[in-house]
Amino acid sequence: MVRSIRLAGVGLLVCAAISTVGCGGRGSVSGTVKHKNGKPVMSGIVNLIASDNMPYSTTINRDGSYTVLDVPAGPAKIGVISPNPSPNAGAGGRAGGRTRASGQNTLAKDKGARGGTATTPPPAPEELVKGWFPIKDSYADPQASGLEVTVQSGSQTPYNIEVE
């Protein structure tokens, strides 16, 4: 009787430790993001919703490669976004603020609505602008993209993503 109580106590301690630390461990997911024609997606973000229902993300490198680190082991859903890096892509094709007669960009000098100075981001490298192509919007939402992977504990899980 005493022995079974001790075993039950040890079992409870083990269960408590597992629930605190997590039973599956952690790993990473890496691979490439390519169009179905083989062309790499040169910029963007890979988002994962992991087994803990938390988001994990990373940027896509120019060669299409990505690595998401420190992801809980278990099933994960994946989303991919690749916004147009062209400076003319946003707000009706405008590149930013108006240009003054002096040739200065007004965004670089004007005060923002809250009193701060508004600035334009640096332009994307020409290589990214020329190499960019749109991917389907359906890949953006990890819950609806249909892309899934099982993250392996303690290792790097390879997962190459093919988009349209």
C-alpha atoms as a PDB file:
ATOM      1  CA  MET A   1       0.000   0.000   0.000  1.00  0.00           C
ATOM      2  CA  VAL A   2       2.767   2.457   0.952  1.00  0.00           C
ATOM      3  CA  ARG A   3       4.683   1.510  -2.188  1.00  0.00           C
ATOM      4  CA  SER A   4       1.698   2.207  -4.450  1.00  0.00           C
ATOM      5  CA  ILE A   5       1.179   5.602  -2.786  1.00  0.00           C
ATOM      6  CA  ARG A   6       4.854   6.454  -3.399  1.00  0.00           C
ATOM      7  CA  LEU A   7       4.587   5.353  -7.042  1.00  0.00           C
ATOM      8  CA  ALA A   8       1.451   7.447  -7.465  1.00  0.00           C
ATOM      9  CA  GLY A   9       3.274  10.441  -5.959  1.00  0.00           C
ATOM     10  CA  VAL A  10       6.228   9.978  -8.312  1.00  0.00           C
ATOM     11  CA  GLY A  11       3.814   9.660 -11.221  1.00  0.00           C
ATOM     12  CA  LEU A  12       2.136  12.933 -10.270  1.00  0.00           C
ATOM     13  CA  LEU A  13       5.504  14.694 -10.054  1.00  0.00           C
ATOM     14  CA  VAL A  14       6.479  13.400 -13.502  1.00  0.00           C
ATOM     15  CA  CYS A  15       3.145  14.539 -14.963  1.00  0.00           C
ATOM     16  CA  ALA A  16       3.537  17.973 -13.372  1.00  0.00           C
ATOM     17  CA  ALA A  17       7.057  18.324 -14.772  1.00  0.00           C
ATOM     18  CA  ILE A  18       5.926  17.315 -18.247  1.00  0.00           C
ATOM     19  CA  SER A  19       3.016  19.735 -18.231  1.00  0.00           C
ATOM     20  CA  THR A  20       5.271  22.584 -17.057  1.00  0.00           C
ATOM     21  CA  VAL A  21       8.079  21.988 -19.534  1.00  0.00           C
ATOM     22  CA  GLY A  22       6.029  20.581 -22.395  1.00  0.00           C
ATOM     23  CA  CYS A  23       6.062  16.996 -23.447  1.00  0.00           C
ATOM     24  CA  GLY A  24       7.257  17.418 -27.020  1.00  0.00           C
ATOM     25  CA  GLY A  25      10.309  19.663 -26.791  1.00  0.00           C
ATOM     26  CA  ARG A  26      11.217  22.164 -29.476  1.00  0.00           C
ATOM     27  CA  GLY A  27      12.734  22.146 -32.933  1.00  0.00           C
ATOM     28  CA  SER A  28      13.066  24.260 -36.042  1.00  0.00           C
ATOM     29  CA  VAL A  29      11.515  24.207 -39.492  1.00  0.00           C
ATOM     30  CA  SER A  30      13.478  25.155 -42.596  1.00  0.00           C
ATOM     31  CA  GLY A  31      13.329  24.828 -46.344  1.00  0.00           C
ATOM     32  CA  THR A  32      12.668  26.896 -49.419  1.00  0.00           C
ATOM     33  CA  VAL A  33       9.632  28.736 -50.718  1.00  0.00           C
ATOM     34  CA  LYS A  34       9.270  28.348 -54.479  1.00  0.00           C
ATOM     35  CA  HIS A  35       6.632  28.847 -57.119  1.00  0.00           C
ATOM     36  CA  LYS A  36       5.426  25.640 -58.732  1.00  0.00           C
ATOM     37  CA  ASN A  37       7.536  26.631 -61.778  1.00  0.00           C
ATOM     38  CA  GLY A  38      10.679  26.388 -59.608  1.00  0.00           C
ATOM     39  CA  LYS A  39      11.314  30.118 -59.226  1.00  0.00           C
ATOM     40  CA  PRO A  40      12.184  31.069 -55.615  1.00  0.00           C
ATOM     41  CA  VAL A  41      10.030  33.509 -53.677  1.00  0.00           C
ATOM     42  CA  MET A  42      12.703  36.140 -52.978  1.00  0.00           C
ATOM     43  CA  SER A  43      11.101  38.039 -50.116  1.00  0.00           C
ATOM     44  CA  GLY A  44       8.274  37.793 -47.637  1.00  0.00           C
ATOM     45  CA  ILE A  45       7.399  36.044 -44.419  1.00  0.00           C
ATOM     46  CA  VAL A  46       6.708  32.442 -43.396  1.00  0.00           C
ATOM     47  CA  ASN A  47       4.262  32.252 -40.470  1.00  0.00           C
ATOM     48  CA  LEU A  48       3.623  29.129 -38.395  1.00  0.00           C
ATOM     49  CA  ILE A  49       0.844  28.473 -35.920  1.00  0.00           C
ATOM     50  CA  ALA A  50       2.450  25.816 -33.744  1.00  0.00           C
ATOM     51  CA  SER A  51       1.025  23.139 -31.466  1.00  0.00           C
ATOM     52  CA  ASP A  52       0.821  25.716 -28.643  1.00  0.00           C
ATOM     53  CA  ASN A  53      -1.453  27.867 -30.882  1.00  0.00           C
ATOM     54  CA  MET A  54       1.143  30.654 -30.856  1.00  0.00           C
ATOM     55  CA  PRO A  55       2.569  32.299 -34.001  1.00  0.00           C
ATOM     56  CA  TYR A  56       6.205  31.871 -35.033  1.00  0.00           C
ATOM     57  CA  SER A  57       7.611  33.637 -38.084  1.00  0.00           C
ATOM     58  CA  THR A  58      10.701  34.424 -40.091  1.00  0.00           C
ATOM     59  CA  THR A  59      11.669  36.273 -43.230  1.00  0.00           C
ATOM     60  CA  ILE A  60      12.279  34.615 -46.572  1.00  0.00           C
ATOM     61  CA  ASN A  61      15.825  35.043 -47.905  1.00  0.00           C
ATOM     62  CA  ARG A  62      16.574  36.081 -51.497  1.00  0.00           C
ATOM     63  CA  ASP A  63      17.260  32.458 -52.492  1.00  0.00           C
ATOM     64  CA  GLY A  64      13.833  31.436 -51.141  1.00  0.00           C
ATOM     65  CA  SER A  65      15.243  29.792 -48.013  1.00  0.00           C
ATOM     66  CA  TYR A  66      13.801  30.251 -44.532  1.00  0.00           C
ATOM     67  CA  THR A  67      14.287  28.894 -41.021  1.00  0.00           C
ATOM     68  CA  VAL A  68      11.841  29.210 -38.134  1.00  0.00           C
ATOM     69  CA  LEU A  69      13.636  28.548 -34.843  1.00  0.00           C
ATOM     70  CA  ASP A  70      12.483  27.318 -31.435  1.00  0.00           C
ATOM     71  CA  VAL A  71       9.074  25.958 -32.460  1.00  0.00           C
ATOM     72  CA  PRO A  72       7.218  23.558 -30.133  1.00  0.00           C
ATOM     73  CA  ALA A  73       7.200  19.989 -31.437  1.00  0.00           C
ATOM     74  CA  GLY A  74       3.988  18.736 -32.970  1.00  0.00           C
ATOM     75  CA  PRO A  75       1.688  19.774 -35.796  1.00  0.00           C
ATOM     76  CA  ALA A  76       2.033  23.288 -37.220  1.00  0.00           C
ATOM     77  CA  LYS A  77       0.095  25.178 -39.868  1.00  0.00           C
ATOM     78  CA  ILE A  78       1.992  27.415 -42.265  1.00  0.00           C
ATOM     79  CA  GLY A  79       1.197  30.644 -44.075  1.00  0.00           C
ATOM     80  CA  VAL A  80       3.271  32.607 -46.588  1.00  0.00           C
ATOM     81  CA  ILE A  81       3.041  36.261 -47.569  1.00  0.00           C
ATOM     82  CA  SER A  82       5.127  38.047 -50.169  1.00  0.00           C
ATOM     83  CA  PRO A  83       4.123  41.705 -50.518  1.00  0.00           C
ATOM     84  CA  ASN A  84       5.284  43.620 -53.563  1.00  0.00           C
ATOM     85  CA  PRO A  85       8.614  45.289 -52.667  1.00  0.00           C
ATOM     86  CA  SER A  86       8.227  47.931 -55.379  1.00  0.00           C
ATOM     87  CA  PRO A  87       8.109  51.497 -54.046  1.00  0.00           C
ATOM     88  CA  ASN A  88       5.137  52.102 -56.385  1.00  0.00           C
ATOM     89  CA  ALA A  89       3.092  49.207 -54.997  1.00  0.00           C
ATOM     90  CA  GLY A  90       1.260  50.934 -52.150  1.00  0.00           C
ATOM     91  CA  ALA A  91      -1.515  53.545 -51.980  1.00  0.00           C
ATOM     92  CA  GLY A  92      -2.667  53.625 -55.555  1.00  0.00           C
ATOM     93  CA  GLY A  93       0.802  53.178 -56.964  1.00  0.00           C
ATOM     94  CA  ARG A  94       2.282  56.220 -55.208  1.00  0.00           C
ATOM     95  CA  ALA A  95       5.853  55.922 -54.045  1.00  0.00           C
ATOM     96  CA  GLY A  96       5.468  58.179 -51.018  1.00  0.00           C
ATOM     97  CA  GLY A  97       5.075  61.876 -50.321  1.00  0.00           C
ATOM     98  CA  ARG A  98       4.909  64.648 -52.877  1.00  0.00           C
ATOM     99  CA  THR A  99       8.110  66.183 -54.104  1.00  0.00           C
ATOM    100  CA  ARG A 100       8.744  69.854 -53.403  1.00  0.00           C
ATOM    101  CA  ALA A 101      10.137  72.168 -56.020  1.00  0.00           C
ATOM    102  CA  SER A 102      13.483  71.757 -54.276  1.00  0.00           C
ATOM    103  CA  GLY A 103      13.402  68.027 -55.104  1.00  0.00           C
ATOM    104  CA  GLN A 104      13.061  66.961 -51.462  1.00  0.00           C
ATOM    105  CA  ASN A 105      10.554  64.310 -50.498  1.00  0.00           C
ATOM    106  CA  THR A 106       7.927  65.941 -48.294  1.00  0.00           C
ATOM    107  CA  LEU A 107       7.647  62.853 -46.077  1.00  0.00           C
ATOM    108  CA  ALA A 108      11.257  63.226 -45.065  1.00  0.00           C
ATOM    109  CA  LYS A 109      10.634  66.765 -43.700  1.00  0.00           C
ATOM    110  CA  ASP A 110       6.961  67.038 -42.722  1.00  0.00           C
ATOM    111  CA  LYS A 111       5.727  66.442 -39.201  1.00  0.00           C
ATOM    112  CA  GLY A 112       3.512  63.404 -38.751  1.00  0.00           C
ATOM    113  CA  ALA A 113       0.017  63.602 -37.249  1.00  0.00           C
ATOM    114  CA  ARG A 114       1.432  63.023 -33.739  1.00  0.00           C
ATOM    115  CA  GLY A 115       4.277  65.500 -34.059  1.00  0.00           C
ATOM    116  CA  GLY A 116       6.980  63.017 -35.055  1.00  0.00           C
ATOM    117  CA  THR A 117       8.916  63.276 -38.277  1.00  0.00           C
ATOM    118  CA  ALA A 118       7.613  60.952 -40.988  1.00  0.00           C
ATOM    119  CA  THR A 119      10.179  59.257 -43.197  1.00  0.00           C
ATOM    120  CA  THR A 120       9.993  56.954 -46.167  1.00  0.00           C
ATOM    121  CA  PRO A 121      11.545  53.513 -45.907  1.00  0.00           C
ATOM    122  CA  PRO A 122      14.600  52.851 -48.039  1.00  0.00           C
ATOM    123  CA  PRO A 123      13.795  51.424 -51.468  1.00  0.00           C
ATOM    124  CA  ALA A 124      13.960  47.658 -51.919  1.00  0.00           C
ATOM    125  CA  PRO A 125      16.967  46.368 -53.855  1.00  0.00           C
ATOM    126  CA  GLU A 126      16.310  46.329 -57.597  1.00  0.00           C
ATOM    127  CA  GLU A 127      16.934  42.553 -57.641  1.00  0.00           C
ATOM    128  CA  LEU A 128      13.942  42.019 -55.331  1.00  0.00           C
ATOM    129  CA  VAL A 129      11.685  44.373 -57.261  1.00  0.00           C
ATOM    130  CA  LYS A 130      12.505  42.711 -60.591  1.00  0.00           C
ATOM    131  CA  GLY A 131      12.362  39.158 -59.204  1.00  0.00           C
ATOM    132  CA  TRP A 132       9.100  39.562 -57.282  1.00  0.00           C
ATOM    133  CA  PHE A 133       5.909  37.881 -58.468  1.00  0.00           C
ATOM    134  CA  PRO A 134       2.516  37.663 -56.762  1.00  0.00           C
ATOM    135  CA  ILE A 135       1.418  34.518 -54.970  1.00  0.00           C
ATOM    136  CA  LYS A 136      -2.177  33.567 -54.205  1.00  0.00           C
ATOM    137  CA  ASP A 137      -3.707  35.357 -51.232  1.00  0.00           C
ATOM    138  CA  SER A 138      -4.943  31.995 -49.944  1.00  0.00           C
ATOM    139  CA  TYR A 139      -1.421  31.225 -48.668  1.00  0.00           C
ATOM    140  CA  ALA A 140      -1.457  34.162 -46.217  1.00  0.00           C
ATOM    141  CA  ASP A 141      -3.602  32.541 -43.510  1.00  0.00           C
ATOM    142  CA  PRO A 142      -1.884  29.579 -41.812  1.00  0.00           C
ATOM    143  CA  GLN A 143      -5.283  28.252 -40.690  1.00  0.00           C
ATOM    144  CA  ALA A 144      -6.618  28.155 -44.279  1.00  0.00           C
ATOM    145  CA  SER A 145      -3.555  27.690 -46.519  1.00  0.00           C
ATOM    146  CA  GLY A 146      -3.541  23.891 -46.410  1.00  0.00           C
ATOM    147  CA  LEU A 147       0.204  23.915 -45.620  1.00  0.00           C
ATOM    148  CA  GLU A 148       1.057  21.751 -42.605  1.00  0.00           C
ATOM    149  CA  VAL A 149       4.171  20.216 -41.087  1.00  0.00           C
ATOM    150  CA  THR A 150       4.978  18.145 -38.002  1.00  0.00           C
ATOM    151  CA  VAL A 151       7.844  19.756 -36.098  1.00  0.00           C
ATOM    152  CA  GLN A 152      10.336  17.219 -34.737  1.00  0.00           C
ATOM    153  CA  SER A 153      11.748  17.747 -31.255  1.00  0.00           C
ATOM    154  CA  GLY A 154      15.448  18.610 -31.027  1.00  0.00           C
ATOM    155  CA  SER A 155      16.037  18.722 -34.750  1.00  0.00           C
ATOM    156  CA  GLN A 156      15.550  20.715 -37.889  1.00  0.00           C
ATOM    157  CA  THR A 157      12.439  19.650 -39.774  1.00  0.00           C
ATOM    158  CA  PRO A 158      12.813  20.177 -43.543  1.00  0.00           C
ATOM    159  CA  TYR A 159       9.724  21.556 -45.245  1.00  0.00           C
ATOM    160  CA  ASN A 160       9.853  22.967 -48.752  1.00  0.00           C
ATOM    161  CA  ILE A 161       6.859  25.128 -49.626  1.00  0.00           C
ATOM    162  CA  GLU A 162       5.434  25.262 -53.140  1.00  0.00           C
ATOM    163  CA  VAL A 163       3.102  28.160 -53.984  1.00  0.00           C
ATOM    164  CA  GLU A 164       1.113  29.297 -56.992  1.00  0.00           C
END
